[in-house]
C-alpha cells in the first residue's frame, strides 16, 4: 500500500476514486461519443470493474488513472493519469498517459491541464525515463491533446492486440515523450530569474 498521490491544478482535482464516481463514470463509458474510438461502450458492470481496478492500482502504487473533478463545483468529469498497459504492445514495457472525460467537458482544456499535472508526477516525482500515449489513428482529438502535452508522434502505425483483427480501430498511432524532452520543454517555459 502506498499513500495515494493527489494533484491539484488551476481548475481540477485529480484524486483517488470514490463510490459516488461509479454512476457518472458508467454514464460516460456508455456514451457513444466518448467511446467512439474504442471497440464498444462499456456496460455498468464493466465500467465499475474498470474504476475499481484504477482505485486498486492507485492504492498499491500511489499513482494511476486518477478520478478528476472540477474545483468549481466538485463535479466528477472523468479520469486522467498514468498506467502500465497489460497488453503486450510493440513498445512494452512502458508507462502510458491517458484520459477519458465526459462529453460535456470536452473542448475546455481539461484533458491537457490534467495531463500536464500527470506528466509532472511521472517525470518530476516518479522519474520515469519515457511516457507514451496511443490511440486509434483517426482519433484526432486525443492526438491533439498528445501534441499539446509536447509528445512526439512516431511515424510507425501498430496493430493494437486488444482490438479484434480486421476491426477499423485496430491500427493505432504512438506518441512519446522522454524525461529529457519534458525537462527541456519545462526549462523553456519557465521565466528567467
C-alpha atoms as a PDB file:
ATOM      1  CA  UNK A   1       0.000   0.000   0.000  1.00  0.00           C
ATOM      2  CA  UNK A   2       1.236   3.485  -0.907  1.00  0.00           C
ATOM      3  CA  UNK A   3      -0.094   6.817   0.132  1.00  0.00           C
ATOM      4  CA  UNK A   4      -2.092   7.977  -2.906  1.00  0.00           C
ATOM      5  CA  UNK A   5      -0.661  10.921  -4.790  1.00  0.00           C
ATOM      6  CA  UNK A   6      -3.387  13.505  -5.323  1.00  0.00           C
ATOM      7  CA  UNK A   7      -2.987  16.522  -7.571  1.00  0.00           C
ATOM      8  CA  UNK A   8      -4.434  19.977  -7.885  1.00  0.00           C
ATOM      9  CA  UNK A   9      -4.340  22.184 -10.963  1.00  0.00           C
ATOM     10  CA  UNK A  10      -5.831  25.598 -11.573  1.00  0.00           C
ATOM     11  CA  UNK A  11      -9.317  24.180 -12.186  1.00  0.00           C
ATOM     12  CA  UNK A  12      -9.165  20.497 -11.255  1.00  0.00           C
ATOM     13  CA  UNK A  13      -8.524  17.905  -8.568  1.00  0.00           C
ATOM     14  CA  UNK A  14      -7.007  14.555  -9.567  1.00  0.00           C
ATOM     15  CA  UNK A  15      -7.746  12.182  -6.702  1.00  0.00           C
ATOM     16  CA  UNK A  16      -8.452   8.656  -5.549  1.00  0.00           C
ATOM     17  CA  UNK A  17     -11.754   7.157  -6.667  1.00  0.00           C
ATOM     18  CA  UNK A  18     -14.906   7.313  -4.512  1.00  0.00           C
ATOM     19  CA  UNK A  19     -18.080   5.177  -4.595  1.00  0.00           C
ATOM     20  CA  UNK A  20     -20.150   8.101  -5.914  1.00  0.00           C
ATOM     21  CA  UNK A  21     -17.890   8.296  -9.005  1.00  0.00           C
ATOM     22  CA  UNK A  22     -19.215   4.984 -10.337  1.00  0.00           C
ATOM     23  CA  UNK A  23     -22.555   6.216 -11.715  1.00  0.00           C
ATOM     24  CA  UNK A  24     -21.187   9.195 -13.698  1.00  0.00           C
ATOM     25  CA  UNK A  25     -18.251   7.041 -14.861  1.00  0.00           C
ATOM     26  CA  UNK A  26     -20.684   4.397 -16.139  1.00  0.00           C
ATOM     27  CA  UNK A  27     -22.635   7.119 -17.958  1.00  0.00           C
ATOM     28  CA  UNK A  28     -19.549   8.389 -19.806  1.00  0.00           C
ATOM     29  CA  UNK A  29     -18.440   4.812 -20.621  1.00  0.00           C
ATOM     30  CA  UNK A  30     -21.863   4.169 -22.162  1.00  0.00           C
ATOM     31  CA  UNK A  31     -21.787   7.380 -24.241  1.00  0.00           C
ATOM     32  CA  UNK A  32     -21.176   6.583 -27.928  1.00  0.00           C
ATOM     33  CA  UNK A  33     -19.405   9.925 -28.416  1.00  0.00           C
ATOM     34  CA  UNK A  34     -16.887   9.260 -25.629  1.00  0.00           C
ATOM     35  CA  UNK A  35     -16.361   5.658 -26.744  1.00  0.00           C
ATOM     36  CA  UNK A  36     -16.172   6.346 -30.493  1.00  0.00           C
ATOM     37  CA  UNK A  37     -12.544   5.193 -30.704  1.00  0.00           C
ATOM     38  CA  UNK A  38     -12.955   2.111 -28.515  1.00  0.00           C
ATOM     39  CA  UNK A  39     -14.273  -1.201 -29.867  1.00  0.00           C
ATOM     40  CA  UNK A  40     -17.516  -0.822 -27.852  1.00  0.00           C
ATOM     41  CA  UNK A  41     -19.059   1.115 -24.972  1.00  0.00           C
ATOM     42  CA  UNK A  42     -18.876  -0.441 -21.506  1.00  0.00           C
ATOM     43  CA  UNK A  43     -21.895  -1.679 -19.591  1.00  0.00           C
ATOM     44  CA  UNK A  44     -22.282  -0.636 -15.946  1.00  0.00           C
ATOM     45  CA  UNK A  45     -20.564  -3.763 -14.569  1.00  0.00           C
ATOM     46  CA  UNK A  46     -17.533  -3.384 -16.866  1.00  0.00           C
ATOM     47  CA  UNK A  47     -17.307   0.329 -16.040  1.00  0.00           C
ATOM     48  CA  UNK A  48     -17.434  -0.405 -12.296  1.00  0.00           C
ATOM     49  CA  UNK A  49     -14.714  -3.046 -12.718  1.00  0.00           C
ATOM     50  CA  UNK A  50     -12.506  -0.538 -14.538  1.00  0.00           C
ATOM     51  CA  UNK A  51     -12.999   2.094 -11.814  1.00  0.00           C
ATOM     52  CA  UNK A  52     -12.276  -0.456  -9.098  1.00  0.00           C
ATOM     53  CA  UNK A  53      -9.094  -1.521 -10.904  1.00  0.00           C
ATOM     54  CA  UNK A  54      -7.993   2.130 -11.185  1.00  0.00           C
ATOM     55  CA  UNK A  55      -8.666   2.612  -7.466  1.00  0.00           C
ATOM     56  CA  UNK A  56      -6.740  -0.550  -6.557  1.00  0.00           C
ATOM     57  CA  UNK A  57      -3.706   0.431  -8.643  1.00  0.00           C
ATOM     58  CA  UNK A  58      -3.579   3.883  -7.022  1.00  0.00           C
ATOM     59  CA  UNK A  59      -3.882   2.182  -3.634  1.00  0.00           C
ATOM     60  CA  UNK A  60      -0.977  -0.168  -4.491  1.00  0.00           C
ATOM     61  CA  UNK A  61       1.350   2.263  -6.314  1.00  0.00           C
ATOM     62  CA  UNK A  62       0.228   5.706  -5.219  1.00  0.00           C
ATOM     63  CA  UNK A  63      -0.475   6.707  -8.848  1.00  0.00           C
ATOM     64  CA  UNK A  64      -2.615   5.624 -11.798  1.00  0.00           C
ATOM     65  CA  UNK A  65      -5.681   6.847 -13.644  1.00  0.00           C
ATOM     66  CA  UNK A  66      -6.995   9.380 -11.145  1.00  0.00           C
ATOM     67  CA  UNK A  67     -10.629  10.438 -10.842  1.00  0.00           C
ATOM     68  CA  UNK A  68     -10.916  14.058 -11.992  1.00  0.00           C
ATOM     69  CA  UNK A  69     -13.316  16.612 -10.580  1.00  0.00           C
ATOM     70  CA  UNK A  70     -13.760  20.313 -11.137  1.00  0.00           C
ATOM     71  CA  UNK A  71     -12.794  22.682  -8.351  1.00  0.00           C
ATOM     72  CA  UNK A  72     -15.707  24.987  -9.124  1.00  0.00           C
ATOM     73  CA  UNK A  73     -18.451  22.551  -8.120  1.00  0.00           C
ATOM     74  CA  UNK A  74     -16.609  19.330  -7.154  1.00  0.00           C
ATOM     75  CA  UNK A  75     -18.220  17.507 -10.107  1.00  0.00           C
ATOM     76  CA  UNK A  76     -16.684  14.246 -11.342  1.00  0.00           C
ATOM     77  CA  UNK A  77     -15.780  14.629 -15.034  1.00  0.00           C
ATOM     78  CA  UNK A  78     -13.749  11.501 -15.839  1.00  0.00           C
ATOM     79  CA  UNK A  79     -10.243  10.151 -15.348  1.00  0.00           C
ATOM     80  CA  UNK A  80      -6.731  11.149 -16.355  1.00  0.00           C
ATOM     81  CA  UNK A  81      -3.427   9.645 -15.388  1.00  0.00           C
ATOM     82  CA  UNK A  82      -0.627   7.168 -15.801  1.00  0.00           C
ATOM     83  CA  UNK A  83      -0.806   3.424 -16.330  1.00  0.00           C
ATOM     84  CA  UNK A  84       1.339   0.416 -17.205  1.00  0.00           C
ATOM     85  CA  UNK A  85      -0.580  -1.313 -20.027  1.00  0.00           C
ATOM     86  CA  UNK A  86      -1.264  -5.012 -19.563  1.00  0.00           C
ATOM     87  CA  UNK A  87      -1.410  -5.653 -23.317  1.00  0.00           C
ATOM     88  CA  UNK A  88       1.816  -6.807 -24.960  1.00  0.00           C
ATOM     89  CA  UNK A  89       2.489  -3.797 -27.165  1.00  0.00           C
ATOM     90  CA  UNK A  90       5.372  -3.428 -29.652  1.00  0.00           C
ATOM     91  CA  UNK A  91       6.951  -0.839 -27.326  1.00  0.00           C
ATOM     92  CA  UNK A  92       6.358  -2.653 -23.998  1.00  0.00           C
ATOM     93  CA  UNK A  93       7.252  -2.292 -21.221  1.00  0.00           C
ATOM     94  CA  UNK A  94       6.038   1.270 -20.971  1.00  0.00           C
ATOM     95  CA  UNK A  95       4.099   3.805 -18.935  1.00  0.00           C
ATOM     96  CA  UNK A  96       1.232   5.493 -20.737  1.00  0.00           C
ATOM     97  CA  UNK A  97      -0.670   8.683 -20.113  1.00  0.00           C
ATOM     98  CA  UNK A  98      -4.366   8.608 -20.911  1.00  0.00           C
ATOM     99  CA  UNK A  99      -7.681  10.359 -20.346  1.00  0.00           C
ATOM    100  CA  UNK A 100     -11.393   9.756 -20.651  1.00  0.00           C
ATOM    101  CA  UNK A 101     -13.724  12.676 -19.944  1.00  0.00           C
ATOM    102  CA  UNK A 102     -17.491  13.012 -20.092  1.00  0.00           C
ATOM    103  CA  UNK A 103     -18.616  14.664 -23.335  1.00  0.00           C
ATOM    104  CA  UNK A 104     -19.974  17.912 -21.748  1.00  0.00           C
ATOM    105  CA  UNK A 105     -16.417  18.622 -20.545  1.00  0.00           C
ATOM    106  CA  UNK A 106     -14.698  18.293 -23.913  1.00  0.00           C
ATOM    107  CA  UNK A 107     -13.167  21.357 -25.557  1.00  0.00           C
ATOM    108  CA  UNK A 108     -12.425  23.144 -22.278  1.00  0.00           C
ATOM    109  CA  UNK A 109      -8.741  22.194 -21.993  1.00  0.00           C
ATOM    110  CA  UNK A 110      -9.302  19.857 -19.046  1.00  0.00           C
ATOM    111  CA  UNK A 111      -7.528  16.844 -20.587  1.00  0.00           C
ATOM    112  CA  UNK A 112      -4.447  18.945 -21.347  1.00  0.00           C
ATOM    113  CA  UNK A 113      -4.480  20.616 -17.921  1.00  0.00           C
ATOM    114  CA  UNK A 114      -4.789  17.317 -16.062  1.00  0.00           C
ATOM    115  CA  UNK A 115      -2.348  15.631 -18.444  1.00  0.00           C
ATOM    116  CA  UNK A 116       0.338  18.223 -17.655  1.00  0.00           C
ATOM    117  CA  UNK A 117      -0.120  17.509 -13.945  1.00  0.00           C
ATOM    118  CA  UNK A 118       0.178  13.764 -14.592  1.00  0.00           C
ATOM    119  CA  UNK A 119       3.388  14.292 -16.582  1.00  0.00           C
ATOM    120  CA  UNK A 120       4.760  16.372 -13.700  1.00  0.00           C
ATOM    121  CA  UNK A 121       4.221  13.389 -11.400  1.00  0.00           C
ATOM    122  CA  UNK A 122       5.585  10.893 -13.899  1.00  0.00           C
ATOM    123  CA  UNK A 123       8.755  12.770 -14.735  1.00  0.00           C
ATOM    124  CA  UNK A 124       9.234  15.015 -11.703  1.00  0.00           C
ATOM    125  CA  UNK A 125       8.374  12.641  -8.845  1.00  0.00           C
ATOM    126  CA  UNK A 126       8.433   9.107 -10.237  1.00  0.00           C
ATOM    127  CA  UNK A 127      11.400   9.778 -12.543  1.00  0.00           C
ATOM    128  CA  UNK A 128      10.132   7.746 -15.498  1.00  0.00           C
ATOM    129  CA  UNK A 129      12.527   7.839 -18.467  1.00  0.00           C
ATOM    130  CA  UNK A 130       9.673   7.987 -21.000  1.00  0.00           C
ATOM    131  CA  UNK A 131       5.882   8.253 -21.103  1.00  0.00           C
ATOM    132  CA  UNK A 132       3.882   7.203 -24.141  1.00  0.00           C
ATOM    133  CA  UNK A 133       0.343   7.642 -25.365  1.00  0.00           C
ATOM    134  CA  UNK A 134      -1.519   5.880 -28.134  1.00  0.00           C
ATOM    135  CA  UNK A 135      -4.911   5.876 -29.781  1.00  0.00           C
ATOM    136  CA  UNK A 136      -6.750   4.777 -32.893  1.00  0.00           C
ATOM    137  CA  UNK A 137      -5.297   6.545 -35.926  1.00  0.00           C
ATOM    138  CA  UNK A 138      -8.475   8.548 -36.603  1.00  0.00           C
ATOM    139  CA  UNK A 139      -8.802   9.961 -33.086  1.00  0.00           C
ATOM    140  CA  UNK A 140      -7.694  13.484 -33.948  1.00  0.00           C
ATOM    141  CA  UNK A 141      -8.983  14.996 -30.677  1.00  0.00           C
ATOM    142  CA  UNK A 142      -6.800  12.773 -28.484  1.00  0.00           C
ATOM    143  CA  UNK A 143      -3.881  13.184 -30.846  1.00  0.00           C
ATOM    144  CA  UNK A 144      -4.220  16.964 -30.481  1.00  0.00           C
ATOM    145  CA  UNK A 145      -4.047  16.600 -26.673  1.00  0.00           C
ATOM    146  CA  UNK A 146      -0.888  14.487 -27.049  1.00  0.00           C
ATOM    147  CA  UNK A 147       0.671  17.220 -29.171  1.00  0.00           C
ATOM    148  CA  UNK A 148      -0.352  19.959 -26.697  1.00  0.00           C
ATOM    149  CA  UNK A 149       1.381  17.906 -23.994  1.00  0.00           C
ATOM    150  CA  UNK A 150       4.585  18.117 -26.039  1.00  0.00           C
ATOM    151  CA  UNK A 151       4.551  14.490 -27.144  1.00  0.00           C
ATOM    152  CA  UNK A 152       6.064  13.465 -30.480  1.00  0.00           C
ATOM    153  CA  UNK A 153       4.242  11.251 -32.948  1.00  0.00           C
ATOM    154  CA  UNK A 154       6.021   8.072 -34.036  1.00  0.00           C
ATOM    155  CA  UNK A 155       5.699   7.506 -37.791  1.00  0.00           C
ATOM    156  CA  UNK A 156       5.017   3.771 -37.369  1.00  0.00           C
ATOM    157  CA  UNK A 157       1.448   2.520 -37.071  1.00  0.00           C
ATOM    158  CA  UNK A 158       0.901  -0.562 -34.907  1.00  0.00           C
ATOM    159  CA  UNK A 159      -1.933  -3.038 -34.544  1.00  0.00           C
ATOM    160  CA  UNK A 160      -3.414  -2.922 -31.032  1.00  0.00           C
ATOM    161  CA  UNK A 161      -3.579  -6.528 -29.831  1.00  0.00           C
ATOM    162  CA  UNK A 162      -6.721  -5.966 -27.716  1.00  0.00           C
ATOM    163  CA  UNK A 163      -8.739  -4.803 -30.740  1.00  0.00           C
ATOM    164  CA  UNK A 164     -10.108  -7.645 -32.918  1.00  0.00           C
ATOM    165  CA  UNK A 165      -8.379  -8.456 -36.194  1.00  0.00           C
ATOM    166  CA  UNK A 166      -9.993  -6.608 -39.084  1.00  0.00           C
ATOM    167  CA  UNK A 167     -11.635  -4.013 -36.813  1.00  0.00           C
ATOM    168  CA  UNK A 168     -11.245  -0.470 -38.232  1.00  0.00           C
ATOM    169  CA  UNK A 169      -9.906   0.773 -34.857  1.00  0.00           C
ATOM    170  CA  UNK A 170      -7.092  -1.794 -34.653  1.00  0.00           C
ATOM    171  CA  UNK A 171      -4.474   0.479 -36.348  1.00  0.00           C
ATOM    172  CA  UNK A 172      -3.050   2.751 -33.642  1.00  0.00           C
ATOM    173  CA  UNK A 173      -0.537   5.572 -33.576  1.00  0.00           C
ATOM    174  CA  UNK A 174       2.054   6.093 -30.875  1.00  0.00           C
ATOM    175  CA  UNK A 175       3.261   9.318 -29.254  1.00  0.00           C
ATOM    176  CA  UNK A 176       6.308   9.522 -26.979  1.00  0.00           C
ATOM    177  CA  UNK A 177       7.866  11.993 -24.572  1.00  0.00           C
ATOM    178  CA  UNK A 178      11.183  11.400 -22.807  1.00  0.00           C
ATOM    179  CA  UNK A 179      12.035  12.860 -19.441  1.00  0.00           C
ATOM    180  CA  UNK A 180      14.870  14.846 -21.050  1.00  0.00           C
ATOM    181  CA  UNK A 181      12.473  16.334 -23.614  1.00  0.00           C
ATOM    182  CA  UNK A 182       9.996  17.174 -20.853  1.00  0.00           C
ATOM    183  CA  UNK A 183      12.732  18.823 -18.767  1.00  0.00           C
ATOM    184  CA  UNK A 184      13.864  20.875 -21.774  1.00  0.00           C
ATOM    185  CA  UNK A 185      10.288  21.961 -22.533  1.00  0.00           C
ATOM    186  CA  UNK A 186       9.713  22.970 -18.923  1.00  0.00           C
ATOM    187  CA  UNK A 187      13.013  24.874 -18.719  1.00  0.00           C
ATOM    188  CA  UNK A 188      11.943  26.890 -21.772  1.00  0.00           C
ATOM    189  CA  UNK A 189       8.526  27.536 -20.237  1.00  0.00           C
ATOM    190  CA  UNK A 190       9.977  28.967 -17.012  1.00  0.00           C
ATOM    191  CA  UNK A 191      10.612  32.723 -16.960  1.00  0.00           C
ATOM    192  CA  UNK A 192      14.197  33.748 -16.415  1.00  0.00           C
ATOM    193  CA  UNK A 193      15.065  34.578 -12.848  1.00  0.00           C
END
